[in-house]
Amino acid sequence: MTENTDTPASKRNIWIRGFYMLLMVFIFHVSGTVMFVITVIQFVLALLNDIPNDRLITFGRNLGRYLQQTASFLTFASEEIPFPFSEWPSGE
Protein backbone atom coordinates (compact mmCIF):
# COMPACT_ATOMS: atom_id res chain seq x y z
CA MET A 1 0.00 0.00 0.00
CA THR A 2 1.35 3.43 -0.91
CA GLU A 3 0.77 6.45 1.23
CA ASN A 4 -0.72 9.64 -0.12
CA THR A 5 1.90 12.37 0.19
CA ASP A 6 -0.45 15.19 -0.83
CA THR A 7 -0.48 17.37 2.24
CA PRO A 8 -2.47 20.58 2.35
CA ALA A 9 0.79 22.56 2.19
CA SER A 10 1.96 20.77 -0.97
CA LYS A 11 -1.45 21.30 -2.60
CA ARG A 12 -1.21 25.00 -1.76
CA ASN A 13 2.33 25.13 -3.18
CA ILE A 14 1.23 23.60 -6.49
CA TRP A 15 -1.51 26.23 -6.80
CA ILE A 16 0.99 28.99 -6.11
CA ARG A 17 3.31 27.50 -8.72
CA GLY A 18 0.35 27.34 -11.11
CA PHE A 19 -0.24 31.06 -10.60
CA TYR A 20 3.43 31.77 -11.34
CA MET A 21 3.25 29.51 -14.38
CA LEU A 22 0.29 31.46 -15.80
CA LEU A 23 2.17 34.69 -15.25
CA MET A 24 5.32 33.28 -16.87
CA VAL A 25 3.37 31.98 -19.91
CA PHE A 26 2.19 35.54 -20.53
CA ILE A 27 5.73 36.92 -20.07
CA PHE A 28 7.10 34.16 -22.36
CA HIS A 29 4.68 35.23 -25.08
CA VAL A 30 5.63 38.91 -24.73
CA SER A 31 9.34 37.97 -24.72
CA GLY A 32 8.87 35.99 -27.93
CA THR A 33 7.33 39.06 -29.54
CA VAL A 34 10.26 41.18 -28.34
CA MET A 35 12.64 38.59 -29.82
CA PHE A 36 10.84 38.86 -33.17
CA VAL A 37 11.10 42.68 -33.13
CA ILE A 38 14.80 42.54 -32.20
CA THR A 39 15.38 40.05 -35.02
CA VAL A 40 13.77 42.34 -37.61
CA ILE A 41 15.65 45.41 -36.34
CA GLN A 42 18.95 43.50 -36.31
CA PHE A 43 18.35 42.28 -39.87
CA VAL A 44 17.61 45.81 -41.13
CA LEU A 45 20.65 47.23 -39.34
CA ALA A 46 22.85 44.50 -40.80
CA LEU A 47 21.52 45.30 -44.28
CA LEU A 48 22.21 49.01 -43.86
CA ASN A 49 25.54 48.85 -42.02
CA ASP A 50 26.93 45.52 -43.27
CA ILE A 51 27.46 44.44 -39.63
CA PRO A 52 25.02 43.56 -36.85
CA ASN A 53 24.64 45.80 -33.79
CA ASP A 54 26.76 44.52 -30.88
CA ARG A 55 24.31 45.66 -28.19
CA LEU A 56 21.44 43.88 -29.92
CA ILE A 57 23.58 40.74 -30.18
CA THR A 58 24.18 40.83 -26.42
CA PHE A 59 20.54 41.59 -25.63
CA GLY A 60 19.35 38.84 -27.98
CA ARG A 61 21.71 36.31 -26.38
CA ASN A 62 20.47 37.24 -22.89
CA LEU A 63 16.84 37.18 -24.03
CA GLY A 64 17.42 33.70 -25.46
CA ARG A 65 18.78 32.55 -22.09
CA TYR A 66 15.76 34.09 -20.40
CA LEU A 67 13.39 32.22 -22.72
CA GLN A 68 15.29 29.01 -21.93
CA GLN A 69 14.99 29.63 -18.17
CA THR A 70 11.28 30.35 -18.56
CA ALA A 71 10.71 27.19 -20.59
CA SER A 72 12.59 25.17 -17.97
CA PHE A 73 10.37 26.58 -15.22
CA LEU A 74 7.17 26.00 -17.19
CA THR A 75 8.07 22.36 -17.90
CA PHE A 76 9.07 21.65 -14.27
CA ALA A 77 12.74 21.18 -15.28
CA SER A 78 13.62 23.98 -12.84
CA GLU A 79 12.10 25.27 -9.63
CA GLU A 80 13.70 28.72 -9.94
CA ILE A 81 11.23 31.35 -11.09
CA PRO A 82 12.89 33.49 -13.81
CA PHE A 83 13.06 37.29 -14.02
CA PRO A 84 11.38 39.40 -12.57
CA PHE A 85 11.57 37.08 -9.55
CA SER A 86 15.31 36.48 -10.01
CA GLU A 87 18.22 38.19 -11.77
CA TRP A 88 18.15 38.87 -15.51
CA PRO A 89 20.50 36.41 -17.30
CA SER A 90 23.70 38.00 -18.50
CA GLY A 91 27.27 37.20 -19.45
CA GLU A 92 28.73 34.70 -21.85
PDB file of N, CA and C in Angstrom:
ATOM      1  N   MET A   1       0.842  -1.190   0.000  1.00  0.00           N
ATOM      2  CA  MET A   1       0.000   0.000   0.000  1.00  0.00           C
ATOM      3  C   MET A   1       0.883   1.247   0.000  1.00  0.00           C
ATOM      4  N   THR A   2       0.581   2.195  -0.858  1.00  0.00           N
ATOM      5  CA  THR A   2       1.346   3.435  -0.914  1.00  0.00           C
ATOM      6  C   THR A   2       0.601   4.518  -0.165  1.00  0.00           C
ATOM      7  N   GLU A   3       1.371   5.362   0.470  1.00  0.00           N
ATOM      8  CA  GLU A   3       0.769   6.451   1.231  1.00  0.00           C
ATOM      9  C   GLU A   3       0.574   7.661   0.336  1.00  0.00           C
ATOM     10  N   ASN A   4      -0.456   8.407   0.610  1.00  0.00           N
ATOM     11  CA  ASN A   4      -0.722   9.638  -0.125  1.00  0.00           C
ATOM     12  C   ASN A   4       0.120  10.746   0.480  1.00  0.00           C
ATOM     13  N   THR A   5       1.010  11.328  -0.313  1.00  0.00           N
ATOM     14  CA  THR A   5       1.904  12.373   0.188  1.00  0.00           C
ATOM     15  C   THR A   5       1.371  13.770  -0.104  1.00  0.00           C
ATOM     16  N   ASP A   6       0.130  13.877  -0.547  1.00  0.00           N
ATOM     17  CA  ASP A   6      -0.454  15.187  -0.834  1.00  0.00           C
ATOM     18  C   ASP A   6      -0.937  15.834   0.453  1.00  0.00           C
ATOM     19  N   THR A   7      -0.088  16.638   1.036  1.00  0.00           N
ATOM     20  CA  THR A   7      -0.475  17.367   2.236  1.00  0.00           C
ATOM     21  C   THR A   7      -1.122  18.669   1.819  1.00  0.00           C
ATOM     22  N   PRO A   8      -1.875  19.292   2.707  1.00  0.00           N
ATOM     23  CA  PRO A   8      -2.471  20.583   2.354  1.00  0.00           C
ATOM     24  C   PRO A   8      -1.432  21.618   1.929  1.00  0.00           C
ATOM     25  N   ALA A   9      -0.252  21.594   2.557  1.00  0.00           N
ATOM     26  CA  ALA A   9       0.793  22.559   2.191  1.00  0.00           C
ATOM     27  C   ALA A   9       1.294  22.312   0.773  1.00  0.00           C
ATOM     28  N   SER A  10       1.471  21.047   0.385  1.00  0.00           N
ATOM     29  CA  SER A  10       1.961  20.774  -0.968  1.00  0.00           C
ATOM     30  C   SER A  10       0.898  21.110  -2.012  1.00  0.00           C
ATOM     31  N   LYS A  11      -0.364  20.901  -1.686  1.00  0.00           N
ATOM     32  CA  LYS A  11      -1.448  21.301  -2.597  1.00  0.00           C
ATOM     33  C   LYS A  11      -1.446  22.814  -2.780  1.00  0.00           C
ATOM     34  N   ARG A  12      -1.250  23.540  -1.688  1.00  0.00           N
ATOM     35  CA  ARG A  12      -1.209  24.998  -1.759  1.00  0.00           C
ATOM     36  C   ARG A  12      -0.024  25.443  -2.602  1.00  0.00           C
ATOM     37  N   ASN A  13       1.132  24.773  -2.422  1.00  0.00           N
ATOM     38  CA  ASN A  13       2.329  25.134  -3.184  1.00  0.00           C
ATOM     39  C   ASN A  13       2.135  24.907  -4.674  1.00  0.00           C
ATOM     40  N   ILE A  14       1.438  23.857  -5.063  1.00  0.00           N
ATOM     41  CA  ILE A  14       1.227  23.601  -6.492  1.00  0.00           C
ATOM     42  C   ILE A  14       0.308  24.667  -7.090  1.00  0.00           C
ATOM     43  N   TRP A  15      -0.645  25.149  -6.312  1.00  0.00           N
ATOM     44  CA  TRP A  15      -1.515  26.226  -6.799  1.00  0.00           C
ATOM     45  C   TRP A  15      -0.752  27.539  -6.935  1.00  0.00           C
ATOM     46  N   ILE A  16       0.156  27.782  -6.007  1.00  0.00           N
ATOM     47  CA  ILE A  16       0.992  28.992  -6.108  1.00  0.00           C
ATOM     48  C   ILE A  16       1.893  28.887  -7.334  1.00  0.00           C
ATOM     49  N   ARG A  17       2.483  27.705  -7.526  1.00  0.00           N
ATOM     50  CA  ARG A  17       3.309  27.500  -8.722  1.00  0.00           C
ATOM     51  C   ARG A  17       2.461  27.683  -9.979  1.00  0.00           C
ATOM     52  N   GLY A  18       1.244  27.180  -9.964  1.00  0.00           N
ATOM     53  CA  GLY A  18       0.348  27.338 -11.109  1.00  0.00           C
ATOM     54  C   GLY A  18       0.103  28.803 -11.431  1.00  0.00           C
ATOM     55  N   PHE A  19      -0.075  29.618 -10.392  1.00  0.00           N
ATOM     56  CA  PHE A  19      -0.242  31.059 -10.598  1.00  0.00           C
ATOM     57  C   PHE A  19       0.998  31.646 -11.259  1.00  0.00           C
ATOM     58  N   TYR A  20       2.190  31.284 -10.740  1.00  0.00           N
ATOM     59  CA  TYR A  20       3.434  31.773 -11.338  1.00  0.00           C
ATOM     60  C   TYR A  20       3.585  31.273 -12.775  1.00  0.00           C
ATOM     61  N   MET A  21       3.155  30.051 -13.031  1.00  0.00           N
ATOM     62  CA  MET A  21       3.248  29.508 -14.384  1.00  0.00           C
ATOM     63  C   MET A  21       2.371  30.293 -15.354  1.00  0.00           C
ATOM     64  N   LEU A  22       1.154  30.641 -14.935  1.00  0.00           N
ATOM     65  CA  LEU A  22       0.285  31.455 -15.799  1.00  0.00           C
ATOM     66  C   LEU A  22       0.924  32.805 -16.099  1.00  0.00           C
ATOM     67  N   LEU A  23       1.496  33.406 -15.072  1.00  0.00           N
ATOM     68  CA  LEU A  23       2.174  34.688 -15.254  1.00  0.00           C
ATOM     69  C   LEU A  23       3.367  34.544 -16.206  1.00  0.00           C
ATOM     70  N   MET A  24       4.139  33.472 -16.040  1.00  0.00           N
ATOM     71  CA  MET A  24       5.320  33.275 -16.871  1.00  0.00           C
ATOM     72  C   MET A  24       4.957  32.912 -18.307  1.00  0.00           C
ATOM     73  N   VAL A  25       3.816  32.254 -18.535  1.00  0.00           N
ATOM     74  CA  VAL A  25       3.369  31.985 -19.912  1.00  0.00           C
ATOM     75  C   VAL A  25       3.097  33.299 -20.626  1.00  0.00           C
ATOM     76  N   PHE A  26       2.449  34.227 -19.941  1.00  0.00           N
ATOM     77  CA  PHE A  26       2.186  35.544 -20.526  1.00  0.00           C
ATOM     78  C   PHE A  26       3.502  36.264 -20.828  1.00  0.00           C
ATOM     79  N   ILE A  27       4.429  36.255 -19.873  1.00  0.00           N
ATOM     80  CA  ILE A  27       5.725  36.917 -20.070  1.00  0.00           C
ATOM     81  C   ILE A  27       6.509  36.240 -21.199  1.00  0.00           C
ATOM     82  N   PHE A  28       6.426  34.903 -21.294  1.00  0.00           N
ATOM     83  CA  PHE A  28       7.095  34.162 -22.363  1.00  0.00           C
ATOM     84  C   PHE A  28       6.580  34.609 -23.722  1.00  0.00           C
ATOM     85  N   HIS A  29       5.278  34.784 -23.826  1.00  0.00           N
ATOM     86  CA  HIS A  29       4.677  35.232 -25.078  1.00  0.00           C
ATOM     87  C   HIS A  29       5.164  36.644 -25.443  1.00  0.00           C
ATOM     88  N   VAL A  30       5.154  37.540 -24.488  1.00  0.00           N
ATOM     89  CA  VAL A  30       5.632  38.909 -24.732  1.00  0.00           C
ATOM     90  C   VAL A  30       7.113  38.885 -25.112  1.00  0.00           C
ATOM     91  N   SER A  31       7.903  38.065 -24.423  1.00  0.00           N
ATOM     92  CA  SER A  31       9.338  37.969 -24.719  1.00  0.00           C
ATOM     93  C   SER A  31       9.581  37.432 -26.128  1.00  0.00           C
ATOM     94  N   GLY A  32       8.753  36.499 -26.559  1.00  0.00           N
ATOM     95  CA  GLY A  32       8.866  35.994 -27.927  1.00  0.00           C
ATOM     96  C   GLY A  32       8.597  37.078 -28.949  1.00  0.00           C
ATOM     97  N   THR A  33       7.627  37.932 -28.657  1.00  0.00           N
ATOM     98  CA  THR A  33       7.327  39.063 -29.537  1.00  0.00           C
ATOM     99  C   THR A  33       8.498  40.040 -29.569  1.00  0.00           C
ATOM    100  N   VAL A  34       9.090  40.300 -28.401  1.00  0.00           N
ATOM    101  CA  VAL A  34      10.262  41.181 -28.337  1.00  0.00           C
ATOM    102  C   VAL A  34      11.413  40.576 -29.142  1.00  0.00           C
ATOM    103  N   MET A  35      11.590  39.263 -29.044  1.00  0.00           N
ATOM    104  CA  MET A  35      12.643  38.590 -29.815  1.00  0.00           C
ATOM    105  C   MET A  35      12.412  38.773 -31.319  1.00  0.00           C
ATOM    106  N   PHE A  36      11.160  38.664 -31.755  1.00  0.00           N
ATOM    107  CA  PHE A  36      10.842  38.863 -33.168  1.00  0.00           C
ATOM    108  C   PHE A  36      11.184  40.292 -33.602  1.00  0.00           C
ATOM    109  N   VAL A  37      10.816  41.278 -32.800  1.00  0.00           N
ATOM    110  CA  VAL A  37      11.101  42.679 -33.133  1.00  0.00           C
ATOM    111  C   VAL A  37      12.612  42.921 -33.190  1.00  0.00           C
ATOM    112  N   ILE A  38      13.344  42.392 -32.217  1.00  0.00           N
ATOM    113  CA  ILE A  38      14.799  42.536 -32.202  1.00  0.00           C
ATOM    114  C   ILE A  38      15.411  41.882 -33.439  1.00  0.00           C
ATOM    115  N   THR A  39      14.882  40.748 -33.835  1.00  0.00           N
ATOM    116  CA  THR A  39      15.376  40.049 -35.022  1.00  0.00           C
ATOM    117  C   THR A  39      15.205  40.897 -36.275  1.00  0.00           C
ATOM    118  N   VAL A  40      14.033  41.500 -36.434  1.00  0.00           N
ATOM    119  CA  VAL A  40      13.766  42.343 -37.605  1.00  0.00           C
ATOM    120  C   VAL A  40      14.671  43.574 -37.589  1.00  0.00           C
ATOM    121  N   ILE A  41      14.790  44.215 -36.440  1.00  0.00           N
ATOM    122  CA  ILE A  41      15.651  45.407 -36.336  1.00  0.00           C
ATOM    123  C   ILE A  41      17.095  45.041 -36.640  1.00  0.00           C
ATOM    124  N   GLN A  42      17.562  43.927 -36.078  1.00  0.00           N
ATOM    125  CA  GLN A  42      18.946  43.499 -36.312  1.00  0.00           C
ATOM    126  C   GLN A  42      19.184  43.201 -37.793  1.00  0.00           C
ATOM    127  N   PHE A  43      18.229  42.580 -38.450  1.00  0.00           N
ATOM    128  CA  PHE A  43      18.353  42.278 -39.871  1.00  0.00           C
ATOM    129  C   PHE A  43      18.455  43.563 -40.686  1.00  0.00           C
ATOM    130  N   VAL A  44      17.589  44.533 -40.400  1.00  0.00           N
ATOM    131  CA  VAL A  44      17.609  45.808 -41.126  1.00  0.00           C
ATOM    132  C   VAL A  44      18.928  46.534 -40.882  1.00  0.00           C
ATOM    133  N   LEU A  45      19.382  46.564 -39.636  1.00  0.00           N
ATOM    134  CA  LEU A  45      20.651  47.228 -39.336  1.00  0.00           C
ATOM    135  C   LEU A  45      21.826  46.539 -40.038  1.00  0.00           C
ATOM    136  N   ALA A  46      21.791  45.222 -40.112  1.00  0.00           N
ATOM    137  CA  ALA A  46      22.855  44.496 -40.803  1.00  0.00           C
ATOM    138  C   ALA A  46      22.823  44.773 -42.302  1.00  0.00           C
ATOM    139  N   LEU A  47      21.623  44.934 -42.860  1.00  0.00           N
ATOM    140  CA  LEU A  47      21.520  45.296 -44.275  1.00  0.00           C
ATOM    141  C   LEU A  47      22.089  46.682 -44.542  1.00  0.00           C
ATOM    142  N   LEU A  48      21.780  47.625 -43.660  1.00  0.00           N
ATOM    143  CA  LEU A  48      22.205  49.011 -43.859  1.00  0.00           C
ATOM    144  C   LEU A  48      23.682  49.231 -43.540  1.00  0.00           C
ATOM    145  N   ASN A  49      24.186  48.585 -42.493  1.00  0.00           N
ATOM    146  CA  ASN A  49      25.545  48.850 -42.015  1.00  0.00           C
ATOM    147  C   ASN A  49      26.546  47.747 -42.351  1.00  0.00           C
ATOM    148  N   ASP A  50      26.087  46.670 -42.941  1.00  0.00           N
ATOM    149  CA  ASP A  50      26.925  45.516 -43.268  1.00  0.00           C
ATOM    150  C   ASP A  50      27.443  44.751 -42.055  1.00  0.00           C
ATOM    151  N   ILE A  51      27.104  45.187 -40.841  1.00  0.00           N
ATOM    152  CA  ILE A  51      27.464  44.442 -39.631  1.00  0.00           C
ATOM    153  C   ILE A  51      26.302  44.531 -38.641  1.00  0.00           C
ATOM    154  N   PRO A  52      26.088  43.501 -37.852  1.00  0.00           N
ATOM    155  CA  PRO A  52      25.020  43.562 -36.846  1.00  0.00           C
ATOM    156  C   PRO A  52      25.419  44.449 -35.666  1.00  0.00           C
ATOM    157  N   ASN A  53      24.436  44.936 -34.951  1.00  0.00           N
ATOM    158  CA  ASN A  53      24.640  45.796 -33.788  1.00  0.00           C
ATOM    159  C   ASN A  53      25.076  44.947 -32.599  1.00  0.00           C
ATOM    160  N   ASP A  54      26.212  45.301 -31.989  1.00  0.00           N
ATOM    161  CA  ASP A  54      26.759  44.518 -30.875  1.00  0.00           C
ATOM    162  C   ASP A  54      25.835  44.493 -29.655  1.00  0.00           C
ATOM    163  N   ARG A  55      25.208  45.629 -29.359  1.00  0.00           N
ATOM    164  CA  ARG A  55      24.306  45.665 -28.193  1.00  0.00           C
ATOM    165  C   ARG A  55      23.084  44.783 -28.405  1.00  0.00           C
ATOM    166  N   LEU A  56      22.581  44.753 -29.636  1.00  0.00           N
ATOM    167  CA  LEU A  56      21.440  43.881 -29.919  1.00  0.00           C
ATOM    168  C   LEU A  56      21.851  42.406 -29.886  1.00  0.00           C
ATOM    169  N   ILE A  57      23.081  42.115 -30.285  1.00  0.00           N
ATOM    170  CA  ILE A  57      23.583  40.742 -30.180  1.00  0.00           C
ATOM    171  C   ILE A  57      23.586  40.307 -28.716  1.00  0.00           C
ATOM    172  N   THR A  58      24.124  41.152 -27.849  1.00  0.00           N
ATOM    173  CA  THR A  58      24.179  40.835 -26.421  1.00  0.00           C
ATOM    174  C   THR A  58      22.787  40.702 -25.835  1.00  0.00           C
ATOM    175  N   PHE A  59      21.901  41.650 -26.152  1.00  0.00           N
ATOM    176  CA  PHE A  59      20.542  41.585 -25.627  1.00  0.00           C
ATOM    177  C   PHE A  59      19.820  40.337 -26.138  1.00  0.00           C
ATOM    178  N   GLY A  60      19.986  40.025 -27.409  1.00  0.00           N
ATOM    179  CA  GLY A  60      19.353  38.841 -27.983  1.00  0.00           C
ATOM    180  C   GLY A  60      19.842  37.562 -27.332  1.00  0.00           C
ATOM    181  N   ARG A  61      21.142  37.486 -27.056  1.00  0.00           N
ATOM    182  CA  ARG A  61      21.708  36.314 -26.384  1.00  0.00           C
ATOM    183  C   ARG A  61      21.110  36.163 -24.986  1.00  0.00           C
ATOM    184  N   ASN A  62      21.036  37.283 -24.243  1.00  0.00           N
ATOM    185  CA  ASN A  62      20.473  37.239 -22.893  1.00  0.00           C
ATOM    186  C   ASN A  62      18.974  36.928 -22.924  1.00  0.00           C
ATOM    187  N   LEU A  63      18.269  37.468 -23.902  1.00  0.00           N
ATOM    188  CA  LEU A  63      16.845  37.179 -24.032  1.00  0.00           C
ATOM    189  C   LEU A  63      16.631  35.699 -24.361  1.00  0.00           C
ATOM    190  N   GLY A  64      17.493  35.126 -25.162  1.00  0.00           N
ATOM    191  CA  GLY A  64      17.423  33.704 -25.455  1.00  0.00           C
ATOM    192  C   GLY A  64      17.621  32.858 -24.205  1.00  0.00           C
ATOM    193  N   ARG A  65      18.574  33.258 -23.362  1.00  0.00           N
ATOM    194  CA  ARG A  65      18.781  32.547 -22.094  1.00  0.00           C
ATOM    195  C   ARG A  65      17.557  32.677 -21.200  1.00  0.00           C
ATOM    196  N   TYR A  66      16.962  33.861 -21.201  1.00  0.00           N
ATOM    197  CA  TYR A  66      15.757  34.085 -20.398  1.00  0.00           C
ATOM    198  C   TYR A  66      14.613  33.188 -20.874  1.00  0.00           C
ATOM    199  N   LEU A  67      14.434  33.088 -22.181  1.00  0.00           N
ATOM    200  CA  LEU A  67      13.393  32.215 -22.717  1.00  0.00           C
ATOM    201  C   LEU A  67      13.665  30.760 -22.343  1.00  0.00           C
ATOM    202  N   GLN A  68      14.935  30.369 -22.338  1.00  0.00           N
ATOM    203  CA  GLN A  68      15.295  29.015 -21.927  1.00  0.00           C
ATOM    204  C   GLN A  68      14.969  28.790 -20.453  1.00  0.00           C
ATOM    205  N   GLN A  69      15.309  29.746 -19.593  1.00  0.00           N
ATOM    206  CA  GLN A  69      14.990  29.634 -18.168  1.00  0.00           C
ATOM    207  C   GLN A  69      13.483  29.544 -17.952  1.00  0.00           C
ATOM    208  N   THR A  70      12.731  30.353 -18.697  1.00  0.00           N
ATOM    209  CA  THR A  70      11.279  30.348 -18.564  1.00  0.00           C
ATOM    210  C   THR A  70      10.703  29.014 -19.004  1.00  0.00           C
ATOM    211  N   ALA A  71      11.176  28.494 -20.119  1.00  0.00           N
ATOM    212  CA  ALA A  71      10.705  27.192 -20.595  1.00  0.00           C
ATOM    213  C   ALA A  71      11.043  26.095 -19.589  1.00  0.00           C
ATOM    214  N   SER A  72      12.206  26.163 -18.976  1.00  0.00           N
ATOM    215  CA  SER A  72      12.587  25.174 -17.966  1.00  0.00           C
ATOM    216  C   SER A  72      11.657  25.240 -16.759  1.00  0.00           C
ATOM    217  N   PHE A  73      11.300  26.439 -16.341  1.00  0.00           N
ATOM    218  CA  PHE A  73      10.375  26.575 -15.221  1.00  0.00           C
ATOM    219  C   PHE A  73       8.994  26.053 -15.592  1.00  0.00           C
ATOM    220  N   LEU A  74       8.519  26.396 -16.774  1.00  0.00           N
ATOM    221  CA  LEU A  74       7.174  25.997 -17.187  1.00  0.00           C
ATOM    222  C   LEU A  74       7.038  24.485 -17.355  1.00  0.00           C
ATOM    223  N   THR A  75       8.120  23.814 -17.691  1.00  0.00           N
ATOM    224  CA  THR A  75       8.069  22.361 -17.901  1.00  0.00           C
ATOM    225  C   THR A  75       8.535  21.579 -16.677  1.00  0.00           C
ATOM    226  N   PHE A  76       8.662  22.253 -15.538  1.00  0.00           N
ATOM    227  CA  PHE A  76       9.069  21.651 -14.266  1.00  0.00           C
ATOM    228  C   PHE A  76      10.508  21.129 -14.291  1.00  0.00           C
ATOM    229  N   ALA A  77      11.323  21.563 -15.253  1.00  0.00           N
ATOM    230  CA  ALA A  77      12.737  21.178 -15.279  1.00  0.00           C
ATOM    231  C   ALA A  77      13.537  21.997 -14.273  1.00  0.00           C
ATOM    232  N   SER A  78      12.962  23.110 -13.813  1.00  0.00           N
ATOM    233  CA  SER A  78      13.618  23.976 -12.839  1.00  0.00           C
ATOM    234  C   SER A  78      12.573  24.509 -11.867  1.00  0.00           C
ATOM    235  N   GLU A  79      12.999  24.697 -10.632  1.00  0.00           N
ATOM    236  CA  GLU A  79      12.102  25.270  -9.627  1.00  0.00           C
ATOM    237  C   GLU A  79      12.330  26.769  -9.466  1.00  0.00           C
ATOM    238  N   GLU A  80      13.394  27.298 -10.067  1.00  0.00           N
ATOM    239  CA  GLU A  80      13.704  28.725  -9.942  1.00  0.00           C
ATOM    240  C   GLU A  80      12.810  29.531 -10.875  1.00  0.00           C
ATOM    241  N   ILE A  81      12.107  30.490 -10.298  1.00  0.00           N
ATOM    242  CA  ILE A  81      11.233  31.351 -11.089  1.00  0.00           C
ATOM    243  C   ILE A  81      12.109  32.406 -11.766  1.00  0.00           C
ATOM    244  N   PRO A  82      12.035  32.533 -13.096  1.00  0.00           N
ATOM    245  CA  PRO A  82      12.892  33.489 -13.808  1.00  0.00           C
ATOM    246  C   PRO A  82      12.530  34.952 -13.507  1.00  0.00           C
ATOM    247  N   PHE A  83      13.305  35.858 -14.110  1.00  0.00           N
ATOM    248  CA  PHE A  83      13.065  37.293 -14.017  1.00  0.00           C
ATOM    249  C   PHE A  83      11.584  37.565 -14.254  1.00  0.00           C
ATOM    250  N   PRO A  84      10.927  38.388 -13.509  1.00  0.00           N
ATOM    251  CA  PRO A  84      11.384  39.404 -12.569  1.00  0.00           C
ATOM    252  C   PRO A  84      11.530  38.919 -11.127  1.00  0.00           C
ATOM    253  N   PHE A  85      11.448  37.620 -10.903  1.00  0.00           N
ATOM    254  CA  PHE A  85      11.573  37.084  -9.551  1.00  0.00           C
ATOM    255  C   PHE A  85      12.999  36.657  -9.227  1.00  0.00           C
ATOM    256  N   SER A  86      13.882  36.737 -10.203  1.00  0.00           N
ATOM    257  CA  SER A  86      15.305  36.480 -10.010  1.00  0.00           C
ATOM    258  C   SER A  86      16.067  37.423 -10.942  1.00  0.00           C
ATOM    259  N   GLU A  87      17.377  37.296 -10.962  1.00  0.00           N
ATOM    260  CA  GLU A  87      18.217  38.187 -11.771  1.00  0.00           C
ATOM    261  C   GLU A  87      18.022  37.929 -13.266  1.00  0.00           C
ATOM    262  N   TRP A  88      18.186  38.982 -14.056  1.00  0.00           N
ATOM    263  CA  TRP A  88      18.148  38.870 -15.512  1.00  0.00           C
ATOM    264  C   TRP A  88      19.411  38.130 -15.963  1.00  0.00           C
ATOM    265  N   PRO A  89      19.304  37.141 -16.860  1.00  0.00           N
ATOM    266  CA  PRO A  89      20.497  36.410 -17.295  1.00  0.00           C
ATOM    267  C   PRO A  89      21.441  37.309 -18.077  1.00  0.00           C
ATOM    268  N   SER A  90      22.719  37.185 -17.790  1.00  0.00           N
ATOM    269  CA  SER A  90      23.703  38.000 -18.503  1.00  0.00           C
ATOM    270  C   SER A  90      25.020  37.248 -18.574  1.00  0.00           C
ATOM    271  N   GLY A  91      25.944  37.797 -19.315  1.00  0.00           N
ATOM    272  CA  GLY A  91      27.266  37.201 -19.445  1.00  0.00           C
ATOM    273  C   GLY A  91      27.335  36.247 -20.614  1.00  0.00           C
ATOM    274  N   GLU A  92      28.475  35.650 -20.759  1.00  0.00           N
ATOM    275  CA  GLU A  92      28.730  34.704 -21.852  1.00  0.00           C
ATOM    276  C   GLU A  92      28.235  33.400 -21.439  1.00  0.00           C
TER     277      GLU A  92
END
